[in-house]
Amino acid sequence: MKRKQRKQEQEPLGELMTVEEVARYFGVKPRRVRGWEKRRVLTPVLRRGERVYMTVEVEHLAALYAD
C-alpha cells in the first residue's frame, strides 16, 4: 500500500510539456525555452530525469504576452 501512495504523490497534477513541445508552441528554439527557465519565467518539473513544464503554466505565459 505504501508503494501505491508514493507513486501517486510523485506524479504532478496536470498535463506536462517537454522543452521541445514548449518551443514548438511558441515557435522558438529549445535554447530559448531553457533561457526562460534560467530567468525563472518557466518552472521545470523533473519527470524521470527529463525537464518538463506544466501546460497550464505555458498557456498562462502565452496569455500574458499575447498581442
C-alpha atoms as a PDB file:
ATOM      1  CA  MET A   1       0.000   0.000   0.000  1.00  0.00           C
ATOM      2  CA  LYS A   2       2.850   2.429   0.711  1.00  0.00           C
ATOM      3  CA  ARG A   3       4.262   1.911  -2.778  1.00  0.00           C
ATOM      4  CA  LYS A   4       0.982   2.874  -4.382  1.00  0.00           C
ATOM      5  CA  GLN A   5       0.712   6.032  -2.271  1.00  0.00           C
ATOM      6  CA  ARG A   6       4.284   7.026  -3.048  1.00  0.00           C
ATOM      7  CA  LYS A   7       3.710   6.683  -6.804  1.00  0.00           C
ATOM      8  CA  GLN A   8       0.612   8.877  -6.665  1.00  0.00           C
ATOM      9  CA  GLU A   9       2.421  11.572  -4.668  1.00  0.00           C
ATOM     10  CA  GLN A  10       5.325  11.755  -7.122  1.00  0.00           C
ATOM     11  CA  GLU A  11       3.230  12.435 -10.225  1.00  0.00           C
ATOM     12  CA  PRO A  12       2.457  16.154 -10.660  1.00  0.00           C
ATOM     13  CA  LEU A  13      -1.073  17.263 -11.433  1.00  0.00           C
ATOM     14  CA  GLY A  14      -1.973  18.451 -14.903  1.00  0.00           C
ATOM     15  CA  GLU A  15      -0.526  17.810 -18.308  1.00  0.00           C
ATOM     16  CA  LEU A  16       3.177  18.220 -18.953  1.00  0.00           C
ATOM     17  CA  MET A  17       5.118  19.505 -21.966  1.00  0.00           C
ATOM     18  CA  THR A  18       8.725  18.809 -22.902  1.00  0.00           C
ATOM     19  CA  VAL A  19      11.217  21.538 -23.804  1.00  0.00           C
ATOM     20  CA  GLU A  20      10.707  20.728 -27.486  1.00  0.00           C
ATOM     21  CA  GLU A  21       6.912  20.908 -27.196  1.00  0.00           C
ATOM     22  CA  VAL A  22       7.076  24.294 -25.466  1.00  0.00           C
ATOM     23  CA  ALA A  23       9.472  25.555 -28.144  1.00  0.00           C
ATOM     24  CA  ARG A  24       7.067  24.450 -30.902  1.00  0.00           C
ATOM     25  CA  TYR A  25       4.134  26.027 -29.036  1.00  0.00           C
ATOM     26  CA  PHE A  26       5.873  29.418 -29.036  1.00  0.00           C
ATOM     27  CA  GLY A  27       7.683  28.989 -32.367  1.00  0.00           C
ATOM     28  CA  VAL A  28      11.146  29.357 -30.810  1.00  0.00           C
ATOM     29  CA  LYS A  29      14.235  27.186 -30.411  1.00  0.00           C
ATOM     30  CA  PRO A  30      14.575  24.907 -27.345  1.00  0.00           C
ATOM     31  CA  ARG A  31      17.574  27.002 -26.250  1.00  0.00           C
ATOM     32  CA  ARG A  32      15.249  29.970 -25.694  1.00  0.00           C
ATOM     33  CA  VAL A  33      12.925  27.862 -23.507  1.00  0.00           C
ATOM     34  CA  ARG A  34      15.912  26.867 -21.364  1.00  0.00           C
ATOM     35  CA  GLY A  35      16.802  30.574 -21.108  1.00  0.00           C
ATOM     36  CA  TRP A  36      13.290  31.303 -19.817  1.00  0.00           C
ATOM     37  CA  GLU A  37      13.879  28.624 -17.213  1.00  0.00           C
ATOM     38  CA  LYS A  38      17.159  30.234 -16.115  1.00  0.00           C
ATOM     39  CA  ARG A  39      15.398  33.601 -15.828  1.00  0.00           C
ATOM     40  CA  ARG A  40      12.606  31.881 -13.856  1.00  0.00           C
ATOM     41  CA  VAL A  41       9.929  32.675 -16.411  1.00  0.00           C
ATOM     42  CA  LEU A  42       9.077  28.944 -16.514  1.00  0.00           C
ATOM     43  CA  THR A  43       9.476  26.447 -13.692  1.00  0.00           C
ATOM     44  CA  PRO A  44      10.619  22.952 -14.681  1.00  0.00           C
ATOM     45  CA  VAL A  45       9.351  19.735 -13.140  1.00  0.00           C
ATOM     46  CA  LEU A  46      11.673  16.734 -13.248  1.00  0.00           C
ATOM     47  CA  ARG A  47       9.994  13.595 -14.579  1.00  0.00           C
ATOM     48  CA  ARG A  48      12.230  10.554 -14.893  1.00  0.00           C
ATOM     49  CA  GLY A  49      15.269  12.787 -15.296  1.00  0.00           C
ATOM     50  CA  GLU A  50      13.658  14.922 -18.011  1.00  0.00           C
ATOM     51  CA  ARG A  51      12.703  18.578 -17.617  1.00  0.00           C
ATOM     52  CA  VAL A  52       9.046  19.183 -18.353  1.00  0.00           C
ATOM     53  CA  TYR A  53       6.711  22.110 -17.821  1.00  0.00           C
ATOM     54  CA  MET A  54       3.109  22.243 -16.696  1.00  0.00           C
ATOM     55  CA  THR A  55       0.832  23.001 -19.650  1.00  0.00           C
ATOM     56  CA  VAL A  56      -1.194  25.400 -17.514  1.00  0.00           C
ATOM     57  CA  GLU A  57       1.922  27.469 -16.807  1.00  0.00           C
ATOM     58  CA  VAL A  58       2.887  27.522 -20.501  1.00  0.00           C
ATOM     59  CA  GLU A  59      -0.615  28.649 -21.505  1.00  0.00           C
ATOM     60  CA  HIS A  60      -0.581  31.321 -18.796  1.00  0.00           C
ATOM     61  CA  LEU A  61       2.736  32.648 -20.113  1.00  0.00           C
ATOM     62  CA  ALA A  62       1.316  32.738 -23.639  1.00  0.00           C
ATOM     63  CA  ALA A  63      -1.727  34.687 -22.412  1.00  0.00           C
ATOM     64  CA  LEU A  64       0.482  37.244 -20.646  1.00  0.00           C
ATOM     65  CA  TYR A  65       2.443  38.017 -23.800  1.00  0.00           C
ATOM     66  CA  ALA A  66      -0.388  37.737 -26.350  1.00  0.00           C
ATOM     67  CA  ASP A  67      -0.866  40.695 -28.670  1.00  0.00           C
END
